[in-house]
Amino acid sequence: MDPRLTSAEQRCAELAAAGASNRDIATALTVSIKTVEATLTRVYRKLGLTSRIQLVHTFTQARE
């Protein structure tokens, strides 16, 4: 877990990195799609990322 992220941000980022769509993430976390979008925006900003692909790479490297 990245200490810069809240637990909600971490869960959302992990699902996104695993390939889930924003709609799928919203359903899994029982939040709105807008909430997922806002959360991922905060995650990108906190981690210095600009795309979902970078998010995937960041979480893939963290697992290795």
PDB file of N, CA and C in Angstrom:
ATOM      1  N   MET A   1       0.838  -1.191   0.000  1.00  0.00           N
ATOM      2  CA  MET A   1       0.000   0.000   0.000  1.00  0.00           C
ATOM      3  C   MET A   1       0.876   1.245   0.000  1.00  0.00           C
ATOM      4  N   ASP A   2       0.502   2.190  -0.825  1.00  0.00           N
ATOM      5  CA  ASP A   2       1.233   3.443  -0.904  1.00  0.00           C
ATOM      6  C   ASP A   2       0.775   4.358   0.230  1.00  0.00           C
ATOM      7  N   PRO A   3       1.699   4.822   1.069  1.00  0.00           N
ATOM      8  CA  PRO A   3       1.306   5.642   2.218  1.00  0.00           C
ATOM      9  C   PRO A   3       0.705   6.990   1.831  1.00  0.00           C
ATOM     10  N   ARG A   4       0.866   7.412   0.591  1.00  0.00           N
ATOM     11  CA  ARG A   4       0.298   8.686   0.147  1.00  0.00           C
ATOM     12  C   ARG A   4      -1.188   8.582  -0.147  1.00  0.00           C
ATOM     13  N   LEU A   5      -1.692   7.361  -0.279  1.00  0.00           N
ATOM     14  CA  LEU A   5      -3.084   7.158  -0.665  1.00  0.00           C
ATOM     15  C   LEU A   5      -3.938   6.742   0.530  1.00  0.00           C
ATOM     16  N   THR A   6      -5.171   7.225   0.537  1.00  0.00           N
ATOM     17  CA  THR A   6      -6.126   6.752   1.545  1.00  0.00           C
ATOM     18  C   THR A   6      -6.532   5.330   1.169  1.00  0.00           C
ATOM     19  N   SER A   7      -7.204   4.647   2.071  1.00  0.00           N
ATOM     20  CA  SER A   7      -7.621   3.271   1.764  1.00  0.00           C
ATOM     21  C   SER A   7      -8.602   3.252   0.593  1.00  0.00           C
ATOM     22  N   ALA A   8      -9.500   4.243   0.519  1.00  0.00           N
ATOM     23  CA  ALA A   8     -10.450   4.302  -0.597  1.00  0.00           C
ATOM     24  C   ALA A   8      -9.719   4.556  -1.919  1.00  0.00           C
ATOM     25  N   GLU A   9      -8.746   5.443  -1.908  1.00  0.00           N
ATOM     26  CA  GLU A   9      -7.956   5.716  -3.116  1.00  0.00           C
ATOM     27  C   GLU A   9      -7.182   4.478  -3.537  1.00  0.00           C
ATOM     28  N   GLN A  10      -6.632   3.771  -2.574  1.00  0.00           N
ATOM     29  CA  GLN A  10      -5.862   2.561  -2.856  1.00  0.00           C
ATOM     30  C   GLN A  10      -6.734   1.498  -3.519  1.00  0.00           C
ATOM     31  N   ARG A  11      -7.934   1.262  -2.959  1.00  0.00           N
ATOM     32  CA  ARG A  11      -8.850   0.264  -3.531  1.00  0.00           C
ATOM     33  C   ARG A  11      -9.242   0.636  -4.951  1.00  0.00           C
ATOM     34  N   CYS A  12      -9.555   1.890  -5.154  1.00  0.00           N
ATOM     35  CA  CYS A  12      -9.962   2.365  -6.472  1.00  0.00           C
ATOM     36  C   CYS A  12      -8.808   2.217  -7.469  1.00  0.00           C
ATOM     37  N   ALA A  13      -7.615   2.603  -7.060  1.00  0.00           N
ATOM     38  CA  ALA A  13      -6.450   2.513  -7.932  1.00  0.00           C
ATOM     39  C   ALA A  13      -6.107   1.060  -8.267  1.00  0.00           C
ATOM     40  N   GLU A  14      -6.225   0.172  -7.294  1.00  0.00           N
ATOM     41  CA  GLU A  14      -5.941  -1.244  -7.545  1.00  0.00           C
ATOM     42  C   GLU A  14      -6.912  -1.827  -8.562  1.00  0.00           C
ATOM     43  N   LEU A  15      -8.181  -1.491  -8.427  1.00  0.00           N
ATOM     44  CA  LEU A  15      -9.169  -1.983  -9.387  1.00  0.00           C
ATOM     45  C   LEU A  15      -8.903  -1.425 -10.784  1.00  0.00           C
ATOM     46  N   ALA A  16      -8.570  -0.144 -10.856  1.00  0.00           N
ATOM     47  CA  ALA A  16      -8.269   0.473 -12.153  1.00  0.00           C
ATOM     48  C   ALA A  16      -7.031  -0.169 -12.775  1.00  0.00           C
ATOM     49  N   ALA A  17      -6.016  -0.394 -11.959  1.00  0.00           N
ATOM     50  CA  ALA A  17      -4.784  -0.997 -12.459  1.00  0.00           C
ATOM     51  C   ALA A  17      -5.012  -2.440 -12.924  1.00  0.00           C
ATOM     52  N   ALA A  18      -6.008  -3.098 -12.343  1.00  0.00           N
ATOM     53  CA  ALA A  18      -6.332  -4.470 -12.727  1.00  0.00           C
ATOM     54  C   ALA A  18      -7.174  -4.531 -13.996  1.00  0.00           C
ATOM     55  N   GLY A  19      -7.560  -3.362 -14.510  1.00  0.00           N
ATOM     56  CA  GLY A  19      -8.285  -3.321 -15.769  1.00  0.00           C
ATOM     57  C   GLY A  19      -9.776  -3.056 -15.664  1.00  0.00           C
ATOM     58  N   ALA A  20     -10.257  -2.794 -14.462  1.00  0.00           N
ATOM     59  CA  ALA A  20     -11.681  -2.514 -14.295  1.00  0.00           C
ATOM     60  C   ALA A  20     -12.033  -1.149 -14.878  1.00  0.00           C
ATOM     61  N   SER A  21     -13.199  -1.057 -15.477  1.00  0.00           N
ATOM     62  CA  SER A  21     -13.664   0.232 -15.994  1.00  0.00           C
ATOM     63  C   SER A  21     -14.156   1.082 -14.825  1.00  0.00           C
ATOM     64  N   ASN A  22     -14.311   2.379 -15.066  1.00  0.00           N
ATOM     65  CA  ASN A  22     -14.835   3.254 -14.018  1.00  0.00           C
ATOM     66  C   ASN A  22     -16.208   2.782 -13.550  1.00  0.00           C
ATOM     67  N   ARG A  23     -17.035   2.321 -14.476  1.00  0.00           N
ATOM     68  CA  ARG A  23     -18.363   1.810 -14.122  1.00  0.00           C
ATOM     69  C   ARG A  23     -18.231   0.570 -13.227  1.00  0.00           C
ATOM     70  N   ASP A  24     -17.315  -0.331 -13.575  1.00  0.00           N
ATOM     71  CA  ASP A  24     -17.111  -1.535 -12.766  1.00  0.00           C
ATOM     72  C   ASP A  24     -16.598  -1.183 -11.368  1.00  0.00           C
ATOM     73  N   ILE A  25     -15.698  -0.223 -11.307  1.00  0.00           N
ATOM     74  CA  ILE A  25     -15.153   0.216 -10.012  1.00  0.00           C
ATOM     75  C   ILE A  25     -16.272   0.808  -9.166  1.00  0.00           C
ATOM     76  N   ALA A  26     -17.089   1.659  -9.777  1.00  0.00           N
ATOM     77  CA  ALA A  26     -18.208   2.281  -9.057  1.00  0.00           C
ATOM     78  C   ALA A  26     -19.147   1.219  -8.494  1.00  0.00           C
ATOM     79  N   THR A  27     -19.442   0.216  -9.283  1.00  0.00           N
ATOM     80  CA  THR A  27     -20.324  -0.864  -8.834  1.00  0.00           C
ATOM     81  C   THR A  27     -19.688  -1.645  -7.688  1.00  0.00           C
ATOM     82  N   ALA A  28     -18.419  -1.982  -7.837  1.00  0.00           N
ATOM     83  CA  ALA A  28     -17.726  -2.770  -6.812  1.00  0.00           C
ATOM     84  C   ALA A  28     -17.618  -2.016  -5.488  1.00  0.00           C
ATOM     85  N   LEU A  29     -17.424  -0.707  -5.559  1.00  0.00           N
ATOM     86  CA  LEU A  29     -17.236   0.075  -4.341  1.00  0.00           C
ATOM     87  C   LEU A  29     -18.519   0.769  -3.886  1.00  0.00           C
ATOM     88  N   THR A  30     -19.594   0.537  -4.601  1.00  0.00           N
ATOM     89  CA  THR A  30     -20.900   1.155  -4.339  1.00  0.00           C
ATOM     90  C   THR A  30     -20.804   2.677  -4.179  1.00  0.00           C
ATOM     91  N   VAL A  31     -20.189   3.286  -5.196  1.00  0.00           N
ATOM     92  CA  VAL A  31     -20.105   4.744  -5.292  1.00  0.00           C
ATOM     93  C   VAL A  31     -20.501   5.139  -6.710  1.00  0.00           C
ATOM     94  N   SER A  32     -20.594   6.430  -6.965  1.00  0.00           N
ATOM     95  CA  SER A  32     -20.956   6.886  -8.305  1.00  0.00           C
ATOM     96  C   SER A  32     -19.727   6.894  -9.221  1.00  0.00           C
ATOM     97  N   ILE A  33     -19.985   6.912 -10.497  1.00  0.00           N
ATOM     98  CA  ILE A  33     -18.893   6.995 -11.472  1.00  0.00           C
ATOM     99  C   ILE A  33     -18.125   8.298 -11.278  1.00  0.00           C
ATOM    100  N   LYS A  34     -18.838   9.380 -10.964  1.00  0.00           N
ATOM    101  CA  LYS A  34     -18.183  10.680 -10.715  1.00  0.00           C
ATOM    102  C   LYS A  34     -17.215  10.580  -9.538  1.00  0.00           C
ATOM    103  N   THR A  35     -17.591   9.828  -8.522  1.00  0.00           N
ATOM    104  CA  THR A  35     -16.711   9.636  -7.365  1.00  0.00           C
ATOM    105  C   THR A  35     -15.455   8.888  -7.778  1.00  0.00           C
ATOM    106  N   VAL A  36     -15.606   7.871  -8.614  1.00  0.00           N
ATOM    107  CA  VAL A  36     -14.456   7.118  -9.116  1.00  0.00           C
ATOM    108  C   VAL A  36     -13.545   8.046  -9.913  1.00  0.00           C
ATOM    109  N   GLU A  37     -14.127   8.857 -10.789  1.00  0.00           N
ATOM    110  CA  GLU A  37     -13.332   9.788 -11.592  1.00  0.00           C
ATOM    111  C   GLU A  37     -12.552  10.754 -10.702  1.00  0.00           C
ATOM    112  N   ALA A  38     -13.213  11.312  -9.701  1.00  0.00           N
ATOM    113  CA  ALA A  38     -12.551  12.251  -8.792  1.00  0.00           C
ATOM    114  C   ALA A  38     -11.454  11.562  -7.984  1.00  0.00           C
ATOM    115  N   THR A  39     -11.739  10.355  -7.546  1.00  0.00           N
ATOM    116  CA  THR A  39     -10.755   9.610  -6.762  1.00  0.00           C
ATOM    117  C   THR A  39      -9.518   9.291  -7.597  1.00  0.00           C
ATOM    118  N   LEU A  40      -9.728   8.824  -8.823  1.00  0.00           N
ATOM    119  CA  LEU A  40      -8.589   8.518  -9.687  1.00  0.00           C
ATOM    120  C   LEU A  40      -7.790   9.781 -10.028  1.00  0.00           C
ATOM    121  N   THR A  41      -8.465  10.896 -10.182  1.00  0.00           N
ATOM    122  CA  THR A  41      -7.762  12.157 -10.422  1.00  0.00           C
ATOM    123  C   THR A  41      -6.842  12.487  -9.252  1.00  0.00           C
ATOM    124  N   ARG A  42      -7.345  12.306  -8.022  1.00  0.00           N
ATOM    125  CA  ARG A  42      -6.502  12.543  -6.836  1.00  0.00           C
ATOM    126  C   ARG A  42      -5.335  11.569  -6.792  1.00  0.00           C
ATOM    127  N   VAL A  43      -5.590  10.306  -7.139  1.00  0.00           N
ATOM    128  CA  VAL A  43      -4.526   9.298  -7.146  1.00  0.00           C
ATOM    129  C   VAL A  43      -3.434   9.692  -8.134  1.00  0.00           C
ATOM    130  N   TYR A  44      -3.841  10.071  -9.348  1.00  0.00           N
ATOM    131  CA  TYR A  44      -2.860  10.473 -10.358  1.00  0.00           C
ATOM    132  C   TYR A  44      -2.024  11.640  -9.854  1.00  0.00           C
ATOM    133  N   ARG A  45      -2.682  12.630  -9.254  1.00  0.00           N
ATOM    134  CA  ARG A  45      -1.970  13.811  -8.761  1.00  0.00           C
ATOM    135  C   ARG A  45      -0.991  13.430  -7.644  1.00  0.00           C
ATOM    136  N   LYS A  46      -1.445  12.641  -6.691  1.00  0.00           N
ATOM    137  CA  LYS A  46      -0.596  12.257  -5.564  1.00  0.00           C
ATOM    138  C   LYS A  46       0.616  11.444  -6.009  1.00  0.00           C
ATOM    139  N   LEU A  47       0.428  10.596  -7.015  1.00  0.00           N
ATOM    140  CA  LEU A  47       1.511   9.727  -7.469  1.00  0.00           C
ATOM    141  C   LEU A  47       2.306  10.321  -8.627  1.00  0.00           C
ATOM    142  N   GLY A  48       1.909  11.489  -9.102  1.00  0.00           N
ATOM    143  CA  GLY A  48       2.620  12.135 -10.200  1.00  0.00           C
ATOM    144  C   GLY A  48       2.417  11.440 -11.534  1.00  0.00           C
ATOM    145  N   LEU A  49       1.229  10.887 -11.744  1.00  0.00           N
ATOM    146  CA  LEU A  49       0.933  10.154 -12.969  1.00  0.00           C
ATOM    147  C   LEU A  49       0.030  10.985 -13.870  1.00  0.00           C
ATOM    148  N   THR A  50       0.039  10.646 -15.154  1.00  0.00           N
ATOM    149  CA  THR A  50      -0.811  11.376 -16.090  1.00  0.00           C
ATOM    150  C   THR A  50      -1.761  10.466 -16.868  1.00  0.00           C
ATOM    151  N   SER A  51      -1.646   9.147 -16.683  1.00  0.00           N
ATOM    152  CA  SER A  51      -2.513   8.253 -17.442  1.00  0.00           C
ATOM    153  C   SER A  51      -2.770   6.955 -16.688  1.00  0.00           C
ATOM    154  N   ARG A  52      -3.787   6.260 -17.132  1.00  0.00           N
ATOM    155  CA  ARG A  52      -4.129   4.963 -16.548  1.00  0.00           C
ATOM    156  C   ARG A  52      -3.027   3.943 -16.828  1.00  0.00           C
ATOM    157  N   ILE A  53      -2.397   4.055 -17.976  1.00  0.00           N
ATOM    158  CA  ILE A  53      -1.285   3.145 -18.307  1.00  0.00           C
ATOM    159  C   ILE A  53      -0.156   3.296 -17.287  1.00  0.00           C
ATOM    160  N   GLN A  54       0.154   4.527 -16.913  1.00  0.00           N
ATOM    161  CA  GLN A  54       1.185   4.747 -15.896  1.00  0.00           C
ATOM    162  C   GLN A  54       0.757   4.149 -14.558  1.00  0.00           C
ATOM    163  N   LEU A  55      -0.533   4.242 -14.267  1.00  0.00           N
ATOM    164  CA  LEU A  55      -1.055   3.651 -13.034  1.00  0.00           C
ATOM    165  C   LEU A  55      -0.845   2.141 -13.037  1.00  0.00           C
ATOM    166  N   VAL A  56      -1.142   1.508 -14.160  1.00  0.00           N
ATOM    167  CA  VAL A  56      -0.935   0.059 -14.293  1.00  0.00           C
ATOM    168  C   VAL A  56       0.527  -0.282 -14.056  1.00  0.00           C
ATOM    169  N   HIS A  57       1.429   0.452 -14.683  1.00  0.00           N
ATOM    170  CA  HIS A  57       2.868   0.192 -14.518  1.00  0.00           C
ATOM    171  C   HIS A  57       3.305   0.388 -13.067  1.00  0.00           C
ATOM    172  N   THR A  58       2.802   1.433 -12.423  1.00  0.00           N
ATOM    173  CA  THR A  58       3.158   1.713 -11.035  1.00  0.00           C
ATOM    174  C   THR A  58       2.732   0.579 -10.121  1.00  0.00           C
ATOM    175  N   PHE A  59       1.507   0.093 -10.295  1.00  0.00           N
ATOM    176  CA  PHE A  59       1.015  -0.978  -9.426  1.00  0.00           C
ATOM    177  C   PHE A  59       1.622  -2.322  -9.793  1.00  0.00           C
ATOM    178  N   THR A  60       1.970  -2.528 -11.050  1.00  0.00           N
ATOM    179  CA  THR A  60       2.634  -3.770 -11.450  1.00  0.00           C
ATOM    180  C   THR A  60       4.028  -3.840 -10.833  1.00  0.00           C
ATOM    181  N   GLN A  61       4.751  -2.740 -10.867  1.00  0.00           N
ATOM    182  CA  GLN A  61       6.091  -2.696 -10.283  1.00  0.00           C
ATOM    183  C   GLN A  61       6.043  -2.881  -8.774  1.00  0.00           C
ATOM    184  N   ALA A  62       5.020  -2.329  -8.146  1.00  0.00           N
ATOM    185  CA  ALA A  62       4.886  -2.439  -6.690  1.00  0.00           C
ATOM    186  C   ALA A  62       4.664  -3.896  -6.258  1.00  0.00           C
ATOM    187  N   ARG A  63       4.022  -4.683  -7.112  1.00  0.00           N
ATOM    188  CA  ARG A  63       3.749  -6.099  -6.789  1.00  0.00           C
ATOM    189  C   ARG A  63       4.967  -6.978  -6.977  1.00  0.00           C
ATOM    190  N   GLU A  64       5.895  -6.546  -7.821  1.00  0.00           N
ATOM    191  CA  GLU A  64       7.062  -7.398  -8.144  1.00  0.00           C
ATOM    192  C   GLU A  64       8.133  -7.305  -7.096  1.00  0.00           C
TER     193      GLU A  64
END
